[in-house]
PDB file of N, CA and C in Angstrom:
ATOM      1  N   MET A   1     -60.649  19.669 -80.322  1.00  0.00           N
ATOM      2  CA  MET A   1     -59.208  19.791 -80.297  1.00  0.00           C
ATOM      3  C   MET A   1     -58.663  19.440 -81.678  1.00  0.00           C
ATOM      4  N   PRO A   2     -57.747  20.256 -82.218  1.00  0.00           N
ATOM      5  CA  PRO A   2     -57.185  19.952 -83.536  1.00  0.00           C
ATOM      6  C   PRO A   2     -56.340  18.679 -83.493  1.00  0.00           C
ATOM      7  N   ARG A   3     -56.359  17.974 -84.589  1.00  0.00           N
ATOM      8  CA  ARG A   3     -55.563  16.757 -84.692  1.00  0.00           C
ATOM      9  C   ARG A   3     -54.117  17.106 -85.045  1.00  0.00           C
ATOM     10  N   ARG A   4     -53.215  16.272 -84.624  1.00  0.00           N
ATOM     11  CA  ARG A   4     -51.799  16.480 -84.911  1.00  0.00           C
ATOM     12  C   ARG A   4     -51.514  16.154 -86.378  1.00  0.00           C
ATOM     13  N   LYS A   5     -50.833  17.083 -87.076  1.00  0.00           N
ATOM     14  CA  LYS A   5     -50.420  16.834 -88.458  1.00  0.00           C
ATOM     15  C   LYS A   5     -49.050  16.191 -88.416  1.00  0.00           C
ATOM     16  N   THR A   6     -48.918  15.063 -89.076  1.00  0.00           N
ATOM     17  CA  THR A   6     -47.678  14.301 -89.042  1.00  0.00           C
ATOM     18  C   THR A   6     -47.023  14.316 -90.418  1.00  0.00           C
ATOM     19  N   TYR A   7     -45.720  14.582 -90.424  1.00  0.00           N
ATOM     20  CA  TYR A   7     -44.920  14.585 -91.646  1.00  0.00           C
ATOM     21  C   TYR A   7     -43.848  13.507 -91.525  1.00  0.00           C
ATOM     22  N   HIS A   8     -43.704  12.696 -92.573  1.00  0.00           N
ATOM     23  CA  HIS A   8     -42.711  11.628 -92.598  1.00  0.00           C
ATOM     24  C   HIS A   8     -41.564  12.012 -93.525  1.00  0.00           C
ATOM     25  N   VAL A   9     -40.332  11.789 -93.065  1.00  0.00           N
ATOM     26  CA  VAL A   9     -39.142  11.953 -93.893  1.00  0.00           C
ATOM     27  C   VAL A   9     -38.744  10.542 -94.304  1.00  0.00           C
ATOM     28  N   THR A  10     -38.870  10.242 -95.609  1.00  0.00           N
ATOM     29  CA  THR A  10     -38.649   8.881 -96.091  1.00  0.00           C
ATOM     30  C   THR A  10     -37.650   8.854 -97.245  1.00  0.00           C
ATOM     31  N   PRO A  11     -36.913   7.748 -97.376  1.00  0.00           N
ATOM     32  CA  PRO A  11     -35.938   7.643 -98.471  1.00  0.00           C
ATOM     33  C   PRO A  11     -36.625   7.372 -99.806  1.00  0.00           C
ATOM     34  N   ARG A  12     -36.009   7.878-100.877  1.00  0.00           N
ATOM     35  CA  ARG A  12     -36.458   7.588-102.237  1.00  0.00           C
ATOM     36  C   ARG A  12     -35.555   6.510-102.827  1.00  0.00           C
ATOM     37  N   THR A  13     -35.995   5.880-103.868  1.00  0.00           N
ATOM     38  CA  THR A  13     -35.201   4.821-104.495  1.00  0.00           C
ATOM     39  C   THR A  13     -33.954   5.358-105.189  1.00  0.00           C
ATOM     40  N   ASP A  14     -33.950   6.638-105.552  1.00  0.00           N
ATOM     41  CA  ASP A  14     -32.788   7.218-106.242  1.00  0.00           C
ATOM     42  C   ASP A  14     -31.754   7.805-105.279  1.00  0.00           C
ATOM     43  N   GLY A  15     -31.950   7.613-103.979  1.00  0.00           N
ATOM     44  CA  GLY A  15     -30.989   8.111-103.004  1.00  0.00           C
ATOM     45  C   GLY A  15     -31.392   9.414-102.342  1.00  0.00           C
ATOM     46  N   GLY A  16     -32.426  10.075-102.839  1.00  0.00           N
ATOM     47  CA  GLY A  16     -32.904  11.315-102.242  1.00  0.00           C
ATOM     48  C   GLY A  16     -33.887  11.030-101.115  1.00  0.00           C
ATOM     49  N   TRP A  17     -34.521  12.095-100.627  1.00  0.00           N
ATOM     50  CA  TRP A  17     -35.455  11.990 -99.495  1.00  0.00           C
ATOM     51  C   TRP A  17     -36.711  12.785 -99.773  1.00  0.00           C
ATOM     52  N   ASN A  18     -37.852  12.260 -99.327  1.00  0.00           N
ATOM     53  CA  ASN A  18     -39.141  12.923 -99.462  1.00  0.00           C
ATOM     54  C   ASN A  18     -39.675  13.356 -98.105  1.00  0.00           C
ATOM     55  N   VAL A  19     -40.463  14.427 -98.127  1.00  0.00           N
ATOM     56  CA  VAL A  19     -41.268  14.833 -96.978  1.00  0.00           C
ATOM     57  C   VAL A  19     -42.708  14.636 -97.414  1.00  0.00           C
ATOM     58  N   LYS A  20     -43.446  13.830 -96.641  1.00  0.00           N
ATOM     59  CA  LYS A  20     -44.813  13.509 -97.022  1.00  0.00           C
ATOM     60  C   LYS A  20     -45.719  13.613 -95.807  1.00  0.00           C
ATOM     61  N   GLU A  21     -46.813  14.348 -95.965  1.00  0.00           N
ATOM     62  CA  GLU A  21     -47.813  14.424 -94.896  1.00  0.00           C
ATOM     63  C   GLU A  21     -48.504  13.073 -94.795  1.00  0.00           C
ATOM     64  N   GLU A  22     -48.782  12.643 -93.566  1.00  0.00           N
ATOM     65  CA  GLU A  22     -49.403  11.343 -93.358  1.00  0.00           C
ATOM     66  C   GLU A  22     -50.718  11.259 -94.112  1.00  0.00           C
ATOM     67  N   ASN A  23     -50.947  10.154 -94.773  1.00  0.00           N
ATOM     68  CA  ASN A  23     -52.138   9.846 -95.564  1.00  0.00           C
ATOM     69  C   ASN A  23     -52.244  10.642 -96.866  1.00  0.00           C
ATOM     70  N   ALA A  24     -51.208  11.382 -97.224  1.00  0.00           N
ATOM     71  CA  ALA A  24     -51.219  12.112 -98.494  1.00  0.00           C
ATOM     72  C   ALA A  24     -50.824  11.158 -99.619  1.00  0.00           C
ATOM     73  N   SER A  25     -51.315  11.423-100.825  1.00  0.00           N
ATOM     74  CA  SER A  25     -50.986  10.553-101.950  1.00  0.00           C
ATOM     75  C   SER A  25     -49.650  10.919-102.589  1.00  0.00           C
ATOM     76  N   ARG A  26     -49.217  12.174-102.400  1.00  0.00           N
ATOM     77  CA  ARG A  26     -47.951  12.628-103.004  1.00  0.00           C
ATOM     78  C   ARG A  26     -47.080  13.292-101.947  1.00  0.00           C
ATOM     79  N   ALA A  27     -45.794  13.337-102.225  1.00  0.00           N
ATOM     80  CA  ALA A  27     -44.847  13.984-101.317  1.00  0.00           C
ATOM     81  C   ALA A  27     -45.062  15.493-101.326  1.00  0.00           C
ATOM     82  N   SER A  28     -44.864  16.123-100.172  1.00  0.00           N
ATOM     83  CA  SER A  28     -44.943  17.583-100.075  1.00  0.00           C
ATOM     84  C   SER A  28     -43.727  18.226-100.732  1.00  0.00           C
ATOM     85  N   SER A  29     -42.557  17.570-100.567  1.00  0.00           N
ATOM     86  CA  SER A  29     -41.332  18.067-101.175  1.00  0.00           C
ATOM     87  C   SER A  29     -40.319  16.942-101.305  1.00  0.00           C
ATOM     88  N   SER A  30     -39.352  17.127-102.213  1.00  0.00           N
ATOM     89  CA  SER A  30     -38.282  16.157-102.442  1.00  0.00           C
ATOM     90  C   SER A  30     -36.947  16.866-102.264  1.00  0.00           C
ATOM     91  N   HIS A  31     -35.967  16.143-101.698  1.00  0.00           N
ATOM     92  CA  HIS A  31     -34.672  16.750-101.378  1.00  0.00           C
ATOM     93  C   HIS A  31     -33.538  15.790-101.702  1.00  0.00           C
ATOM     94  N   ASP A  32     -32.373  16.356-101.974  1.00  0.00           N
ATOM     95  CA  ASP A  32     -31.199  15.547-102.272  1.00  0.00           C
ATOM     96  C   ASP A  32     -30.597  14.930-101.020  1.00  0.00           C
ATOM     97  N   THR A  33     -30.696  15.640 -99.881  1.00  0.00           N
ATOM     98  CA  THR A  33     -30.088  15.138 -98.645  1.00  0.00           C
ATOM     99  C   THR A  33     -31.146  14.964 -97.552  1.00  0.00           C
ATOM    100  N   LYS A  34     -30.836  14.092 -96.623  1.00  0.00           N
ATOM    101  CA  LYS A  34     -31.731  13.842 -95.492  1.00  0.00           C
ATOM    102  C   LYS A  34     -31.844  15.094 -94.623  1.00  0.00           C
ATOM    103  N   ALA A  35     -30.734  15.811 -94.439  1.00  0.00           N
ATOM    104  CA  ALA A  35     -30.742  17.022 -93.614  1.00  0.00           C
ATOM    105  C   ALA A  35     -31.693  18.076 -94.176  1.00  0.00           C
ATOM    106  N   GLU A  36     -31.702  18.245 -95.491  1.00  0.00           N
ATOM    107  CA  GLU A  36     -32.614  19.212 -96.125  1.00  0.00           C
ATOM    108  C   GLU A  36     -34.067  18.791 -95.908  1.00  0.00           C
ATOM    109  N   ALA A  37     -34.339  17.500 -96.047  1.00  0.00           N
ATOM    110  CA  ALA A  37     -35.704  16.993 -95.867  1.00  0.00           C
ATOM    111  C   ALA A  37     -36.167  17.180 -94.426  1.00  0.00           C
ATOM    112  N   ILE A  38     -35.297  16.908 -93.459  1.00  0.00           N
ATOM    113  CA  ILE A  38     -35.649  17.079 -92.048  1.00  0.00           C
ATOM    114  C   ILE A  38     -35.940  18.538 -91.749  1.00  0.00           C
ATOM    115  N   ALA A  39     -35.115  19.436 -92.273  1.00  0.00           N
ATOM    116  CA  ALA A  39     -35.321  20.873 -92.044  1.00  0.00           C
ATOM    117  C   ALA A  39     -36.674  21.318 -92.588  1.00  0.00           C
ATOM    118  N   ARG A  40     -37.038  20.846 -93.769  1.00  0.00           N
ATOM    119  CA  ARG A  40     -38.327  21.219 -94.367  1.00  0.00           C
ATOM    120  C   ARG A  40     -39.492  20.632 -93.575  1.00  0.00           C
ATOM    121  N   ALA A  41     -39.371  19.377 -93.140  1.00  0.00           N
ATOM    122  CA  ALA A  41     -40.432  18.740 -92.359  1.00  0.00           C
ATOM    123  C   ALA A  41     -40.645  19.481 -91.044  1.00  0.00           C
ATOM    124  N   ARG A  42     -39.558  19.864 -90.386  1.00  0.00           N
ATOM    125  CA  ARG A  42     -39.678  20.619 -89.130  1.00  0.00           C
ATOM    126  C   ARG A  42     -40.354  21.962 -89.358  1.00  0.00           C
ATOM    127  N   GLU A  43     -39.998  22.612 -90.450  1.00  0.00           N
ATOM    128  CA  GLU A  43     -40.605  23.900 -90.793  1.00  0.00           C
ATOM    129  C   GLU A  43     -42.119  23.745 -90.969  1.00  0.00           C
ATOM    130  N   LEU A  44     -42.534  22.711 -91.687  1.00  0.00           N
ATOM    131  CA  LEU A  44     -43.964  22.463 -91.903  1.00  0.00           C
ATOM    132  C   LEU A  44     -44.671  22.128 -90.596  1.00  0.00           C
ATOM    133  N   ALA A  45     -44.056  21.276 -89.767  1.00  0.00           N
ATOM    134  CA  ALA A  45     -44.688  20.849 -88.510  1.00  0.00           C
ATOM    135  C   ALA A  45     -44.827  22.002 -87.530  1.00  0.00           C
ATOM    136  N   LYS A  46     -43.846  22.886 -87.484  1.00  0.00           N
ATOM    137  CA  LYS A  46     -43.885  24.004 -86.541  1.00  0.00           C
ATOM    138  C   LYS A  46     -44.949  25.031 -86.912  1.00  0.00           C
ATOM    139  N   LYS A  47     -45.391  25.044 -88.172  1.00  0.00           N
ATOM    140  CA  LYS A  47     -46.450  25.964 -88.594  1.00  0.00           C
ATOM    141  C   LYS A  47     -47.828  25.502 -88.117  1.00  0.00           C
ATOM    142  N   GLN A  48     -47.937  24.247 -87.696  1.00  0.00           N
ATOM    143  CA  GLN A  48     -49.207  23.683 -87.258  1.00  0.00           C
ATOM    144  C   GLN A  48     -49.417  23.934 -85.766  1.00  0.00           C
ATOM    145  N   ALA A  49     -50.676  23.948 -85.348  1.00  0.00           N
ATOM    146  CA  ALA A  49     -50.959  24.058 -83.915  1.00  0.00           C
ATOM    147  C   ALA A  49     -50.384  22.847 -83.193  1.00  0.00           C
ATOM    148  N   LEU A  50     -50.543  21.671 -83.787  1.00  0.00           N
ATOM    149  CA  LEU A  50     -49.955  20.430 -83.282  1.00  0.00           C
ATOM    150  C   LEU A  50     -49.283  19.740 -84.463  1.00  0.00           C
ATOM    151  N   GLY A  51     -47.960  19.615 -84.409  1.00  0.00           N
ATOM    152  CA  GLY A  51     -47.225  19.002 -85.509  1.00  0.00           C
ATOM    153  C   GLY A  51     -46.304  17.900 -85.025  1.00  0.00           C
ATOM    154  N   GLN A  52     -45.968  16.997 -85.931  1.00  0.00           N
ATOM    155  CA  GLN A  52     -45.070  15.893 -85.610  1.00  0.00           C
ATOM    156  C   GLN A  52     -44.238  15.565 -86.841  1.00  0.00           C
ATOM    157  N   VAL A  53     -42.951  15.239 -86.602  1.00  0.00           N
ATOM    158  CA  VAL A  53     -42.059  14.796 -87.665  1.00  0.00           C
ATOM    159  C   VAL A  53     -41.566  13.404 -87.295  1.00  0.00           C
ATOM    160  N   ILE A  54     -41.743  12.463 -88.211  1.00  0.00           N
ATOM    161  CA  ILE A  54     -41.231  11.109 -88.037  1.00  0.00           C
ATOM    162  C   ILE A  54     -40.143  10.904 -89.085  1.00  0.00           C
ATOM    163  N   ILE A  55     -38.927  10.632 -88.622  1.00  0.00           N
ATOM    164  CA  ILE A  55     -37.771  10.482 -89.495  1.00  0.00           C
ATOM    165  C   ILE A  55     -37.456   8.992 -89.638  1.00  0.00           C
ATOM    166  N   HIS A  56     -37.394   8.544 -90.877  1.00  0.00           N
ATOM    167  CA  HIS A  56     -37.119   7.143 -91.169  1.00  0.00           C
ATOM    168  C   HIS A  56     -35.650   6.958 -91.558  1.00  0.00           C
ATOM    169  N   LYS A  57     -35.131   5.756 -91.348  1.00  0.00           N
ATOM    170  CA  LYS A  57     -33.786   5.388 -91.787  1.00  0.00           C
ATOM    171  C   LYS A  57     -33.844   4.990 -93.261  1.00  0.00           C
ATOM    172  N   GLN A  58     -32.677   4.739 -93.833  1.00  0.00           N
ATOM    173  CA  GLN A  58     -32.589   4.332 -95.234  1.00  0.00           C
ATOM    174  C   GLN A  58     -33.374   3.046 -95.494  1.00  0.00           C
ATOM    175  N   ASP A  59     -33.451   2.147 -94.501  1.00  0.00           N
ATOM    176  CA  ASP A  59     -34.181   0.887 -94.681  1.00  0.00           C
ATOM    177  C   ASP A  59     -35.681   1.025 -94.421  1.00  0.00           C
ATOM    178  N   GLY A  60     -36.146   2.238 -94.107  1.00  0.00           N
ATOM    179  CA  GLY A  60     -37.574   2.495 -93.919  1.00  0.00           C
ATOM    180  C   GLY A  60     -38.060   2.410 -92.488  1.00  0.00           C
ATOM    181  N   THR A  61     -37.240   1.883 -91.568  1.00  0.00           N
ATOM    182  CA  THR A  61     -37.654   1.826 -90.164  1.00  0.00           C
ATOM    183  C   THR A  61     -37.581   3.219 -89.553  1.00  0.00           C
ATOM    184  N   ILE A  62     -38.295   3.414 -88.446  1.00  0.00           N
ATOM    185  CA  ILE A  62     -38.330   4.727 -87.809  1.00  0.00           C
ATOM    186  C   ILE A  62     -37.046   4.957 -87.015  1.00  0.00           C
ATOM    187  N   GLN A  63     -36.412   6.084 -87.277  1.00  0.00           N
ATOM    188  CA  GLN A  63     -35.197   6.478 -86.567  1.00  0.00           C
ATOM    189  C   GLN A  63     -35.547   7.275 -85.320  1.00  0.00           C
ATOM    190  N   THR A  64     -36.371   8.311 -85.488  1.00  0.00           N
ATOM    191  CA  THR A  64     -36.763   9.169 -84.376  1.00  0.00           C
ATOM    192  C   THR A  64     -38.004   9.954 -84.744  1.00  0.00           C
ATOM    193  N   GLU A  65     -38.607  10.587 -83.741  1.00  0.00           N
ATOM    194  CA  GLU A  65     -39.749  11.456 -83.999  1.00  0.00           C
ATOM    195  C   GLU A  65     -39.706  12.653 -83.065  1.00  0.00           C
ATOM    196  N   HIS A  66     -40.277  13.752 -83.532  1.00  0.00           N
ATOM    197  CA  HIS A  66     -40.318  14.994 -82.767  1.00  0.00           C
ATOM    198  C   HIS A  66     -41.739  15.538 -82.828  1.00  0.00           C
ATOM    199  N   THR A  67     -42.218  16.092 -81.724  1.00  0.00           N
ATOM    200  CA  THR A  67     -43.534  16.715 -81.704  1.00  0.00           C
ATOM    201  C   THR A  67     -43.381  18.203 -81.423  1.00  0.00           C
ATOM    202  N   TYR A  68     -44.304  18.980 -81.965  1.00  0.00           N
ATOM    203  CA  TYR A  68     -44.281  20.432 -81.816  1.00  0.00           C
ATOM    204  C   TYR A  68     -45.676  20.908 -81.450  1.00  0.00           C
ATOM    205  N   GLY A  69     -45.745  21.983 -80.704  1.00  0.00           N
ATOM    206  CA  GLY A  69     -47.033  22.533 -80.296  1.00  0.00           C
ATOM    207  C   GLY A  69     -47.368  22.119 -78.882  1.00  0.00           C
ATOM    208  N   LYS A  70     -48.517  22.549 -78.427  1.00  0.00           N
ATOM    209  CA  LYS A  70     -48.938  22.291 -77.054  1.00  0.00           C
ATOM    210  C   LYS A  70     -49.639  20.945 -76.985  1.00  0.00           C
ATOM    211  N   ASP A  71     -49.064  20.025 -76.233  1.00  0.00           N
ATOM    212  CA  ASP A  71     -49.695  18.743 -76.001  1.00  0.00           C
ATOM    213  C   ASP A  71     -50.841  18.910 -75.013  1.00  0.00           C
ATOM    214  N   PRO A  72     -51.947  18.202 -75.195  1.00  0.00           N
ATOM    215  CA  PRO A  72     -53.066  18.320 -74.258  1.00  0.00           C
ATOM    216  C   PRO A  72     -52.700  17.735 -72.901  1.00  0.00           C
ATOM    217  N   TYR A  73     -53.097  18.419 -71.852  1.00  0.00           N
ATOM    218  CA  TYR A  73     -52.869  17.901 -70.497  1.00  0.00           C
ATOM    219  C   TYR A  73     -54.150  18.075 -69.718  1.00  0.00           C
ATOM    220  N   PRO A  74     -54.670  17.120 -69.013  1.00  0.00           N
ATOM    221  CA  PRO A  74     -54.120  15.766 -68.929  1.00  0.00           C
ATOM    222  C   PRO A  74     -54.335  15.030 -70.244  1.00  0.00           C
ATOM    223  N   PRO A  75     -53.476  14.043 -70.534  1.00  0.00           N
ATOM    224  CA  PRO A  75     -53.615  13.318 -71.790  1.00  0.00           C
ATOM    225  C   PRO A  75     -54.924  12.559 -71.849  1.00  0.00           C
ATOM    226  N   GLU A  76     -55.441  12.454 -73.069  1.00  0.00           N
ATOM    227  CA  GLU A  76     -56.689  11.705 -73.269  1.00  0.00           C
ATOM    228  C   GLU A  76     -56.395  10.214 -73.165  1.00  0.00           C
ATOM    229  N   GLY A  77     -57.347   9.462 -72.607  1.00  0.00           N
ATOM    230  CA  GLY A  77     -57.217   8.012 -72.564  1.00  0.00           C
ATOM    231  C   GLY A  77     -56.520   7.557 -71.414  1.00  0.00           C
TER     232      GLY A  77
END
């Protein structure tokens, strides 16, 4: 079964926002607004068989998350 690809929308120190694939060393893209970053992260996640977007607040805590693709049923574990 393919693993879920997770993309994080995180704040930058200059006020912008990054989209970064989990465990990547560099951001996939940088944006001036949070809305632009979320749109790009969703676009990337929806291209995957199993995708996830985790959106962070300005303070770095998790605001919300969205999953895309077919979840396995019954769930493992």
